[in-house]
Amino acid sequence: MAATFPGVIAFAFMVSLILTGVGLRARFTWIQSALVPASLIAGLLGFALINLDLSFGLINSDFTVFAFHCFTLSFMSLVLTGSDPRVDKAPSVVAGGSWLAVIWVMSLVMQAMVGLVVIVLYNYLTGGDLSYFLGMIATHGFTQGPGQALALGGIWESALGIQHAVDFGLIYASAGFLVAFVVGVPMARQAIRRGSHANKTARIDEEFLKGIMQPASKVSAGTQVTHAANVDSLTFHLAILGLAYVLTDQYLAFIQPFANTWQLGGVNLGLIFSHNLFFFHGLIVCVLLRAGIDRLGWGHLIDNDTQKRITGTSVDLMVVATLMSIQFSLLSAYLLPIILTCIAIAVTTALLCFGFARLLKNYSVERAVTIFGCCTGSTGSGLLLLRILDPDLSTPIAKELAFFNVAILVLGFHILTLMAPVLPSFGLGTISLVYIGTFLAGAIALTVMTRRSLV
């Protein structure tokens, strides 16, 4: 049985570090002031322990698989979560969600082009020969997160010859989470001090700072939908997610042999239907599975609060695993181009989000902080930043995020599905034309929306 322990111990070690993160957040006021989440603290601590060889023989690659699958599980679980009956279907929510989605798609293409320019200039000034795709993959780390950085980096590296694409993607994803909080938290705090936020009841209390709830708060973690004498409710929810995972795996196993016989622009379609893009296909399966459950009248068997706990847990583990997957040797070898790329992307993304938000008449700071978090970390980090300004989510921004998650798949379809998975197979001219054209189209759309006071 000893041979079965390495993977389990790696998971246990990763999870146990979160306890340290919780303790440090509750103990040190400077961590509380920065509102650094326990998962980020745990990931940084794990990164240090691994690279100091104090991790019980575990190495960076032992945690890569957790980063990939926790990202995939978090989004599949999010899709399985039913719609909130309190979500307003008014046009204002759709318009606000559309504004957030357009900014996100603009960020997706802008960050790629900024990364490209930084690497090209770095090569020119230093005589280096780094592939500019190692700059472009930054957008999939920042705007999409570690799962997509791993998935696309894996395809670019194994099938399209871009060396170190996976490692660069993971580093960018980790940097994105740091940027989200280093920039986002001070901006949110400043808005509260100035009183420019809509929810005047917003306050940063002891529970929020320390990250531990008081016994009197009694916040519910979900409603039981199955009898304990039959099966635990959490087990039941995990079983549904497990079914979706199995269905996705078998769907890909079935279709890939056929996809391998087809070419699209000289690229084998098998790459798009590979397990590297399990995330995308898993979303489709979960959409269909949830629709089927609702159609059969079984929607009440999925408790939204429980499902959100699964999603939140997956996000926490994803952050820890991502940071622990970074190889210090590679980070140090390419430190300058990585830092330059991250700084350039952080600055331009802040200008994009906060610049266009200034044109809004309503909820400008809430939308700016939220979308900045989404474009530098994940939807979860965007929501966390929003809670600083709107702790009880009384503004419509949280509701707009529900629409946003669907809208980005539609507005960014040509990038996310048709180009990004096989981007190195396209010429620089084609990439520039499509990416810059998408950015300009988004800028025009935002201008029209604000001038017509749609948001």
Protein backbone atom coordinates (compact mmCIF):
# COMPACT_ATOMS: atom_id res chain seq x y z
CA MET A 1 0.00 0.00 0.00
CA ALA A 2 2.98 2.34 0.45
CA ALA A 3 3.03 3.00 -3.31
CA THR A 4 -0.42 4.59 -3.09
CA PHE A 5 0.62 7.31 -0.64
CA PRO A 6 2.66 9.88 -2.65
CA GLY A 7 -0.33 11.52 -4.35
CA VAL A 8 -2.41 11.47 -1.18
CA ILE A 9 0.42 12.93 0.91
CA ALA A 10 0.99 15.67 -1.68
CA PHE A 11 -2.68 16.61 -1.41
CA ALA A 12 -2.62 16.43 2.40
CA PHE A 13 0.52 18.59 2.55
CA MET A 14 -1.06 21.18 0.25
CA VAL A 15 -4.29 21.33 2.24
CA SER A 16 -2.52 21.46 5.61
CA LEU A 17 -0.71 24.64 4.54
CA ILE A 18 -4.08 26.39 4.35
CA LEU A 19 -4.35 25.99 8.14
CA THR A 20 -1.12 27.95 8.45
CA GLY A 21 -2.53 30.57 6.10
CA VAL A 22 -5.67 30.91 8.22
CA GLY A 23 -3.59 31.23 11.38
CA LEU A 24 -1.26 33.86 9.93
CA ARG A 25 -4.18 35.90 8.59
CA ALA A 26 -5.84 35.85 12.02
CA ARG A 27 -2.60 36.73 13.83
CA PHE A 28 -0.88 39.50 11.87
CA THR A 29 -2.59 42.83 11.29
CA TRP A 30 -0.49 43.74 8.24
CA ILE A 31 -1.79 40.62 6.46
CA GLN A 32 -5.32 41.56 7.50
CA SER A 33 -4.86 45.10 6.17
CA ALA A 34 -3.81 43.68 2.81
CA LEU A 35 -6.74 41.22 2.93
CA VAL A 36 -4.48 38.45 1.64
CA PRO A 37 -6.54 35.22 1.44
CA ALA A 38 -5.33 32.14 3.31
CA SER A 39 -4.95 30.21 0.05
CA LEU A 40 -2.48 32.77 -1.29
CA ILE A 41 -0.47 32.68 1.94
CA ALA A 42 -0.46 28.88 1.84
CA GLY A 43 0.69 28.82 -1.77
CA LEU A 44 3.57 31.21 -1.16
CA LEU A 45 4.62 29.21 1.91
CA GLY A 46 4.44 25.97 -0.05
CA PHE A 47 6.49 27.48 -2.88
CA ALA A 48 9.18 28.46 -0.38
CA LEU A 49 9.22 25.08 1.39
CA ILE A 50 9.50 23.14 -1.87
CA ASN A 51 12.33 25.26 -3.22
CA LEU A 52 14.15 25.06 0.14
CA ASP A 53 13.80 21.25 0.00
CA LEU A 54 11.68 21.21 3.17
CA SER A 55 8.63 19.53 1.62
CA PHE A 56 9.14 15.86 2.56
CA GLY A 57 10.61 15.06 -0.85
CA LEU A 58 7.69 16.53 -2.78
CA ILE A 59 8.54 18.62 -5.85
CA ASN A 60 6.80 21.27 -7.94
CA SER A 61 5.46 18.86 -10.55
CA ASP A 62 3.60 16.91 -7.86
CA PHE A 63 1.15 19.81 -7.56
CA THR A 64 0.62 20.67 -11.23
CA VAL A 65 -2.11 18.08 -11.58
CA PHE A 66 -4.02 19.58 -8.65
CA ALA A 67 -3.87 23.05 -10.19
CA PHE A 68 -5.31 21.74 -13.45
CA HIS A 69 -8.10 19.63 -12.01
CA CYS A 70 -9.12 22.04 -9.25
CA PHE A 71 -9.52 24.78 -11.85
CA THR A 72 -11.62 22.47 -14.02
CA LEU A 73 -13.74 21.33 -11.08
CA SER A 74 -14.35 24.88 -9.92
CA PHE A 75 -15.88 25.95 -13.23
CA MET A 76 -17.82 22.74 -13.77
CA SER A 77 -19.26 23.11 -10.27
CA LEU A 78 -20.10 26.74 -11.00
CA VAL A 79 -22.10 25.72 -14.07
CA LEU A 80 -23.96 23.04 -12.10
CA THR A 81 -25.08 25.73 -9.65
CA GLY A 82 -28.62 26.76 -10.47
CA SER A 83 -29.75 30.30 -11.17
CA ASP A 84 -30.48 32.41 -8.12
CA PRO A 85 -34.20 33.22 -7.99
CA ARG A 86 -33.22 36.62 -6.60
CA VAL A 87 -31.21 37.47 -9.70
CA ASP A 88 -32.84 40.37 -11.48
CA LYS A 89 -33.57 39.77 -15.15
CA ALA A 90 -33.96 43.49 -15.82
CA PRO A 91 -32.19 44.99 -18.84
CA SER A 92 -29.91 46.99 -16.52
CA VAL A 93 -28.35 43.76 -15.23
CA VAL A 94 -27.90 42.46 -18.75
CA ALA A 95 -26.35 45.77 -19.83
CA GLY A 96 -24.03 45.84 -16.82
CA GLY A 97 -23.04 42.21 -17.35
CA SER A 98 -22.40 42.95 -21.02
CA TRP A 99 -20.14 45.86 -20.07
CA LEU A 100 -18.13 43.59 -17.77
CA ALA A 101 -17.91 40.92 -20.50
CA VAL A 102 -16.72 43.36 -23.17
CA ILE A 103 -13.97 44.64 -20.83
CA TRP A 104 -12.92 41.04 -20.11
CA VAL A 105 -12.64 40.15 -23.81
CA MET A 106 -10.71 43.37 -24.47
CA SER A 107 -8.37 42.44 -21.62
CA LEU A 108 -7.94 38.95 -23.05
CA VAL A 109 -6.61 40.22 -26.38
CA MET A 110 -4.85 43.29 -24.97
CA GLN A 111 -2.80 41.33 -22.45
CA ALA A 112 -1.71 38.93 -25.18
CA MET A 113 -0.49 41.77 -27.40
CA VAL A 114 1.21 43.53 -24.48
CA GLY A 115 3.02 40.31 -23.59
CA LEU A 116 4.07 39.89 -27.21
CA VAL A 117 5.47 43.44 -27.41
CA VAL A 118 7.39 43.08 -24.13
CA ILE A 119 9.11 39.87 -25.22
CA VAL A 120 9.91 41.25 -28.68
CA LEU A 121 11.48 44.37 -27.13
CA TYR A 122 13.33 42.26 -24.55
CA ASN A 123 14.82 40.10 -27.31
CA TYR A 124 15.78 43.20 -29.32
CA LEU A 125 17.51 44.92 -26.40
CA THR A 126 19.24 41.87 -24.91
CA GLY A 127 19.81 39.70 -27.96
CA GLY A 128 17.61 36.99 -26.48
CA ASP A 129 15.61 34.48 -28.47
CA LEU A 130 12.53 33.89 -26.33
CA SER A 131 9.39 33.00 -28.26
CA TYR A 132 6.92 35.87 -28.17
CA PHE A 133 4.25 33.28 -27.42
CA LEU A 134 5.78 33.08 -23.93
CA GLY A 135 4.56 36.64 -23.56
CA MET A 136 1.19 36.00 -25.15
CA ILE A 137 0.35 33.13 -22.82
CA ALA A 138 0.35 35.69 -20.01
CA THR A 139 -3.24 36.57 -20.86
CA HIS A 140 -4.38 33.01 -20.20
CA GLY A 141 -2.68 33.12 -16.79
CA PHE A 142 -3.99 36.57 -15.86
CA THR A 143 -7.42 36.77 -17.50
CA GLN A 144 -8.30 33.06 -17.42
CA GLY A 145 -6.32 31.53 -14.57
CA PRO A 146 -3.98 28.56 -14.02
CA GLY A 147 -6.23 25.88 -15.52
CA GLN A 148 -6.33 27.48 -18.94
CA ALA A 149 -2.66 28.45 -18.72
CA LEU A 150 -1.86 24.80 -18.05
CA ALA A 151 -4.21 23.49 -20.73
CA LEU A 152 -3.13 25.83 -23.50
CA GLY A 153 0.51 25.80 -22.41
CA GLY A 154 0.44 22.00 -22.59
CA ILE A 155 -0.82 22.09 -26.19
CA TRP A 156 1.57 24.84 -27.26
CA GLU A 157 4.51 23.03 -25.68
CA SER A 158 3.85 19.42 -26.68
CA ALA A 159 2.24 19.85 -30.10
CA LEU A 160 3.41 23.27 -31.31
CA GLY A 161 6.96 23.42 -29.97
CA ILE A 162 6.80 26.39 -27.58
CA GLN A 163 9.23 25.39 -24.84
CA HIS A 164 8.41 26.33 -21.21
CA ALA A 165 4.87 27.41 -22.13
CA VAL A 166 3.38 25.52 -19.16
CA ASP A 167 5.85 26.94 -16.65
CA PHE A 168 5.45 30.49 -17.92
CA GLY A 169 1.67 30.11 -17.85
CA LEU A 170 1.71 28.98 -14.21
CA ILE A 171 3.99 31.84 -13.19
CA TYR A 172 1.73 34.38 -14.89
CA ALA A 173 -1.35 32.86 -13.23
CA SER A 174 0.28 33.16 -9.82
CA ALA A 175 1.36 36.72 -10.53
CA GLY A 176 -2.18 37.52 -11.60
CA PHE A 177 -3.61 36.59 -8.20
CA LEU A 178 -0.98 38.76 -6.51
CA VAL A 179 -1.75 41.73 -8.77
CA ALA A 180 -5.49 41.36 -8.15
CA PHE A 181 -5.03 41.92 -4.43
CA VAL A 182 -1.99 44.23 -4.43
CA VAL A 183 -3.79 46.70 -6.71
CA GLY A 184 -7.46 45.87 -6.11
CA VAL A 185 -7.55 46.04 -2.31
CA PRO A 186 -6.03 49.54 -2.02
CA MET A 187 -8.37 50.80 -4.75
CA ALA A 188 -11.38 49.41 -2.88
CA ARG A 189 -10.19 50.87 0.43
CA GLN A 190 -9.65 54.26 -1.18
CA ALA A 191 -13.20 54.21 -2.56
CA ILE A 192 -14.58 53.55 0.93
CA ARG A 193 -12.55 56.40 2.41
CA ARG A 194 -13.78 58.79 -0.30
CA GLY A 195 -17.33 57.53 -0.04
CA SER A 196 -17.53 56.97 -3.81
CA HIS A 197 -19.13 53.53 -3.42
CA ALA A 198 -22.89 52.97 -3.50
CA ASN A 199 -23.34 50.73 -0.45
CA LYS A 200 -22.67 53.13 2.45
CA THR A 201 -23.04 50.32 4.97
CA ALA A 202 -19.81 48.76 3.70
CA ARG A 203 -17.32 48.31 6.47
CA ILE A 204 -14.27 46.21 7.07
CA ASP A 205 -15.03 44.58 10.41
CA GLU A 206 -13.08 42.14 12.57
CA GLU A 207 -14.54 39.04 10.93
CA PHE A 208 -13.66 40.35 7.50
CA LEU A 209 -10.10 41.26 8.52
CA LYS A 210 -9.24 38.12 10.50
CA GLY A 211 -11.08 35.83 8.11
CA ILE A 212 -12.71 33.80 10.87
CA MET A 213 -16.42 33.99 11.66
CA GLN A 214 -17.67 34.50 15.21
CA PRO A 215 -19.92 31.75 16.66
CA ALA A 216 -22.85 34.16 16.84
CA SER A 217 -22.76 34.77 13.09
CA LYS A 218 -24.12 31.29 12.31
CA VAL A 219 -23.64 31.54 8.55
CA SER A 220 -25.19 28.57 6.75
CA ALA A 221 -23.01 26.39 4.57
CA GLY A 222 -25.92 24.84 2.68
CA THR A 223 -29.21 23.00 2.95
CA GLN A 224 -29.48 19.21 3.24
CA VAL A 225 -31.21 17.65 0.23
CA THR A 226 -30.75 13.99 1.15
CA HIS A 227 -31.42 12.13 4.37
CA ALA A 228 -28.31 11.33 6.39
CA ALA A 229 -29.51 7.75 6.83
CA ASN A 230 -29.26 7.36 3.05
CA VAL A 231 -26.30 9.46 1.88
CA ASP A 232 -24.70 12.68 3.07
CA SER A 233 -25.85 15.71 1.10
CA LEU A 234 -22.28 16.78 0.30
CA THR A 235 -21.50 13.29 -1.00
CA PHE A 236 -24.56 13.52 -3.23
CA HIS A 237 -23.40 16.83 -4.73
CA LEU A 238 -19.89 15.49 -5.29
CA ALA A 239 -21.44 12.46 -7.02
CA ILE A 240 -23.18 14.72 -9.55
CA LEU A 241 -19.92 16.53 -10.26
CA GLY A 242 -18.16 13.17 -10.54
CA LEU A 243 -20.76 12.02 -13.07
CA ALA A 244 -20.09 15.14 -15.14
CA TYR A 245 -16.36 14.41 -15.02
CA VAL A 246 -16.84 10.81 -16.19
CA LEU A 247 -19.20 11.87 -18.97
CA THR A 248 -16.69 14.45 -20.20
CA ASP A 249 -13.86 11.94 -20.14
CA GLN A 250 -15.83 9.34 -22.11
CA TYR A 251 -17.11 11.97 -24.57
CA LEU A 252 -13.54 13.04 -25.34
CA ALA A 253 -12.34 9.43 -25.55
CA PHE A 254 -15.10 8.71 -28.06
CA ILE A 255 -14.73 11.76 -30.27
CA GLN A 256 -10.96 12.17 -30.34
CA PRO A 257 -10.24 9.34 -32.83
CA PHE A 258 -12.60 11.01 -35.29
CA ALA A 259 -11.21 14.50 -34.59
CA ASN A 260 -7.67 13.25 -35.25
CA THR A 261 -8.62 12.60 -38.90
CA TRP A 262 -9.64 16.23 -39.53
CA GLN A 263 -7.55 19.33 -40.11
CA LEU A 264 -8.45 22.98 -39.51
CA GLY A 265 -6.04 25.44 -41.08
CA GLY A 266 -3.33 22.79 -41.04
CA VAL A 267 -3.94 21.99 -37.36
CA ASN A 268 -5.20 18.61 -36.22
CA LEU A 269 -8.63 18.98 -34.61
CA GLY A 270 -7.62 16.30 -32.15
CA LEU A 271 -5.81 19.04 -30.23
CA ILE A 272 -9.08 20.86 -29.59
CA PHE A 273 -10.78 17.64 -28.48
CA SER A 274 -7.91 16.54 -26.25
CA HIS A 275 -7.96 16.22 -22.48
CA ASN A 276 -5.83 19.36 -22.30
CA LEU A 277 -9.05 21.29 -23.00
CA PHE A 278 -11.10 19.19 -20.56
CA PHE A 279 -12.20 22.45 -18.92
CA PHE A 280 -14.03 23.71 -22.01
CA HIS A 281 -15.73 20.43 -22.83
CA GLY A 282 -16.58 19.88 -19.16
CA LEU A 283 -18.48 23.17 -19.17
CA ILE A 284 -20.56 22.01 -22.13
CA VAL A 285 -21.34 18.70 -20.44
CA CYS A 286 -22.32 20.47 -17.20
CA VAL A 287 -24.58 22.91 -19.06
CA LEU A 288 -26.40 19.98 -20.69
CA LEU A 289 -26.48 17.97 -17.46
CA ARG A 290 -27.92 20.87 -15.47
CA ALA A 291 -30.49 21.56 -18.21
CA GLY A 292 -31.53 17.90 -18.13
CA ILE A 293 -31.86 17.90 -14.34
CA ASP A 294 -34.04 21.01 -14.46
CA ARG A 295 -36.09 19.61 -17.35
CA LEU A 296 -36.88 16.49 -15.33
CA GLY A 297 -37.97 18.61 -12.38
CA TRP A 298 -35.04 17.53 -10.18
CA GLY A 299 -33.45 20.97 -9.81
CA HIS A 300 -34.37 21.10 -6.13
CA LEU A 301 -31.92 18.25 -5.51
CA ILE A 302 -28.98 20.59 -6.13
CA ASP A 303 -28.53 23.06 -3.28
CA ASN A 304 -26.87 26.23 -4.54
CA ASP A 305 -25.10 27.02 -1.28
CA THR A 306 -23.56 23.54 -1.10
CA GLN A 307 -22.52 23.75 -4.74
CA LYS A 308 -20.91 27.13 -4.07
CA ARG A 309 -18.92 25.58 -1.22
CA ILE A 310 -17.55 23.00 -3.64
CA THR A 311 -16.67 25.75 -6.11
CA GLY A 312 -15.01 27.84 -3.41
CA THR A 313 -13.02 24.88 -2.11
CA SER A 314 -11.78 24.11 -5.62
CA VAL A 315 -10.69 27.72 -6.12
CA ASP A 316 -8.79 27.75 -2.82
CA LEU A 317 -6.95 24.54 -3.67
CA MET A 318 -6.28 25.79 -7.20
CA VAL A 319 -4.52 28.90 -5.88
CA VAL A 320 -2.34 26.89 -3.48
CA ALA A 321 -1.43 24.27 -6.08
CA THR A 322 -0.62 26.87 -8.72
CA LEU A 323 1.92 28.65 -6.56
CA MET A 324 3.45 25.36 -5.41
CA SER A 325 3.87 24.26 -9.04
CA ILE A 326 6.27 27.08 -9.92
CA GLN A 327 9.88 26.02 -10.46
CA PHE A 328 12.26 28.50 -8.85
CA SER A 329 15.09 27.61 -11.23
CA LEU A 330 13.03 28.61 -14.28
CA LEU A 331 11.62 31.68 -12.53
CA SER A 332 15.11 32.92 -11.68
CA ALA A 333 16.44 32.18 -15.17
CA TYR A 334 13.77 34.30 -16.86
CA LEU A 335 13.02 36.69 -14.01
CA LEU A 336 13.53 39.95 -15.92
CA PRO A 337 11.24 39.25 -18.92
CA ILE A 338 8.61 37.76 -16.60
CA ILE A 339 8.65 40.79 -14.27
CA LEU A 340 8.55 43.23 -17.20
CA THR A 341 5.62 41.36 -18.75
CA CYS A 342 3.69 41.24 -15.47
CA ILE A 343 4.23 44.93 -14.74
CA ALA A 344 3.22 45.97 -18.26
CA ILE A 345 0.08 43.84 -18.12
CA ALA A 346 -0.85 45.01 -14.62
CA VAL A 347 -0.55 48.68 -15.62
CA THR A 348 -2.43 48.36 -18.91
CA THR A 349 -5.18 46.24 -17.36
CA ALA A 350 -5.67 48.79 -14.58
CA LEU A 351 -5.85 51.59 -17.15
CA LEU A 352 -8.38 49.59 -19.17
CA CYS A 353 -10.68 48.68 -16.27
CA PHE A 354 -10.53 51.91 -14.28
CA GLY A 355 -10.30 54.14 -17.35
CA PHE A 356 -13.48 52.92 -19.03
CA ALA A 357 -15.25 52.71 -15.66
CA ARG A 358 -14.82 56.46 -15.18
CA LEU A 359 -17.23 56.97 -18.09
CA LEU A 360 -20.00 55.16 -16.22
CA LYS A 361 -22.70 57.08 -14.39
CA ASN A 362 -23.62 54.30 -11.97
CA TYR A 363 -21.56 51.85 -9.89
CA SER A 364 -18.34 52.86 -11.63
CA VAL A 365 -15.97 51.94 -8.78
CA GLU A 366 -17.77 48.66 -8.04
CA ARG A 367 -17.61 47.56 -11.66
CA ALA A 368 -14.00 48.71 -12.05
CA VAL A 369 -12.71 46.84 -9.00
CA THR A 370 -14.74 43.73 -9.82
CA ILE A 371 -13.66 43.42 -13.44
CA PHE A 372 -10.05 44.19 -12.52
CA GLY A 373 -10.13 41.21 -10.17
CA CYS A 374 -11.67 39.05 -12.89
CA CYS A 375 -9.01 40.13 -15.42
CA THR A 376 -6.05 39.50 -13.13
CA GLY A 377 -7.12 36.46 -11.14
CA SER A 378 -10.50 34.84 -11.59
CA THR A 379 -14.20 35.52 -11.12
CA GLY A 380 -13.66 34.55 -7.48
CA SER A 381 -11.06 37.25 -6.89
CA GLY A 382 -13.32 39.77 -8.62
CA LEU A 383 -16.17 38.83 -6.30
CA LEU A 384 -13.92 39.06 -3.23
CA LEU A 385 -12.88 42.58 -4.18
CA LEU A 386 -16.52 43.49 -4.75
CA ARG A 387 -17.40 42.31 -1.23
CA ILE A 388 -15.06 44.94 0.22
CA LEU A 389 -17.26 47.64 -1.33
CA ASP A 390 -20.55 45.77 -1.16
CA PRO A 391 -20.41 43.20 1.68
CA ASP A 392 -24.08 42.24 1.52
CA LEU A 393 -24.15 42.37 -2.30
CA SER A 394 -26.99 44.88 -2.32
CA THR A 395 -25.79 46.43 -5.59
CA PRO A 396 -26.60 44.66 -8.89
CA ILE A 397 -22.94 43.95 -9.68
CA ALA A 398 -22.98 40.41 -8.28
CA LYS A 399 -26.06 39.72 -10.38
CA GLU A 400 -24.28 41.16 -13.42
CA LEU A 401 -21.46 38.66 -12.85
CA ALA A 402 -23.94 35.82 -13.36
CA PHE A 403 -24.72 37.13 -16.84
CA PHE A 404 -21.04 38.00 -17.41
CA ASN A 405 -19.94 34.36 -17.04
CA VAL A 406 -22.14 33.37 -19.97
CA ALA A 407 -21.51 36.46 -22.09
CA ILE A 408 -17.72 36.07 -22.16
CA LEU A 409 -18.07 32.64 -23.76
CA VAL A 410 -20.17 34.16 -26.55
CA LEU A 411 -18.22 37.39 -27.09
CA GLY A 412 -14.83 35.67 -26.85
CA PHE A 413 -15.75 32.52 -28.78
CA HIS A 414 -13.49 33.26 -31.75
CA ILE A 415 -10.48 33.73 -29.46
CA LEU A 416 -11.18 31.11 -26.80
CA THR A 417 -12.22 28.30 -29.14
CA LEU A 418 -10.87 28.96 -32.62
CA MET A 419 -7.52 30.68 -32.01
CA ALA A 420 -6.11 30.32 -28.48
CA PRO A 421 -5.77 26.51 -28.41
CA VAL A 422 -3.56 26.53 -31.55
CA LEU A 423 -2.34 30.14 -31.55
CA PRO A 424 1.31 29.34 -32.48
CA SER A 425 0.04 27.85 -35.75
CA PHE A 426 -1.17 31.29 -36.89
CA GLY A 427 1.04 33.95 -38.42
CA LEU A 428 1.82 37.15 -36.53
CA GLY A 429 -0.13 39.21 -39.06
CA THR A 430 -3.31 37.18 -38.60
CA ILE A 431 -2.99 37.23 -34.81
CA SER A 432 -2.44 40.99 -34.73
CA LEU A 433 -5.33 41.68 -37.09
CA VAL A 434 -7.82 39.58 -35.09
CA TYR A 435 -6.64 40.60 -31.62
CA ILE A 436 -6.33 44.33 -32.31
CA GLY A 437 -9.60 44.27 -34.26
CA THR A 438 -11.35 42.62 -31.31
CA PHE A 439 -9.98 45.25 -28.92
CA LEU A 440 -11.12 48.13 -31.14
CA ALA A 441 -14.57 46.58 -31.59
CA GLY A 442 -14.87 46.34 -27.82
CA ALA A 443 -13.82 49.96 -27.35
CA ILE A 444 -16.49 51.08 -29.83
CA ALA A 445 -19.12 48.95 -28.10
CA LEU A 446 -18.27 50.43 -24.70
CA THR A 447 -18.37 53.97 -26.07
CA VAL A 448 -21.83 53.39 -27.54
CA MET A 449 -23.10 51.80 -24.32
CA THR A 450 -21.93 54.67 -22.14
CA ARG A 451 -23.12 57.43 -24.48
CA ARG A 452 -26.57 55.88 -24.59
CA SER A 453 -26.53 55.51 -20.82
CA LEU A 454 -27.17 51.78 -21.06
CA VAL A 455 -25.00 51.10 -18.01
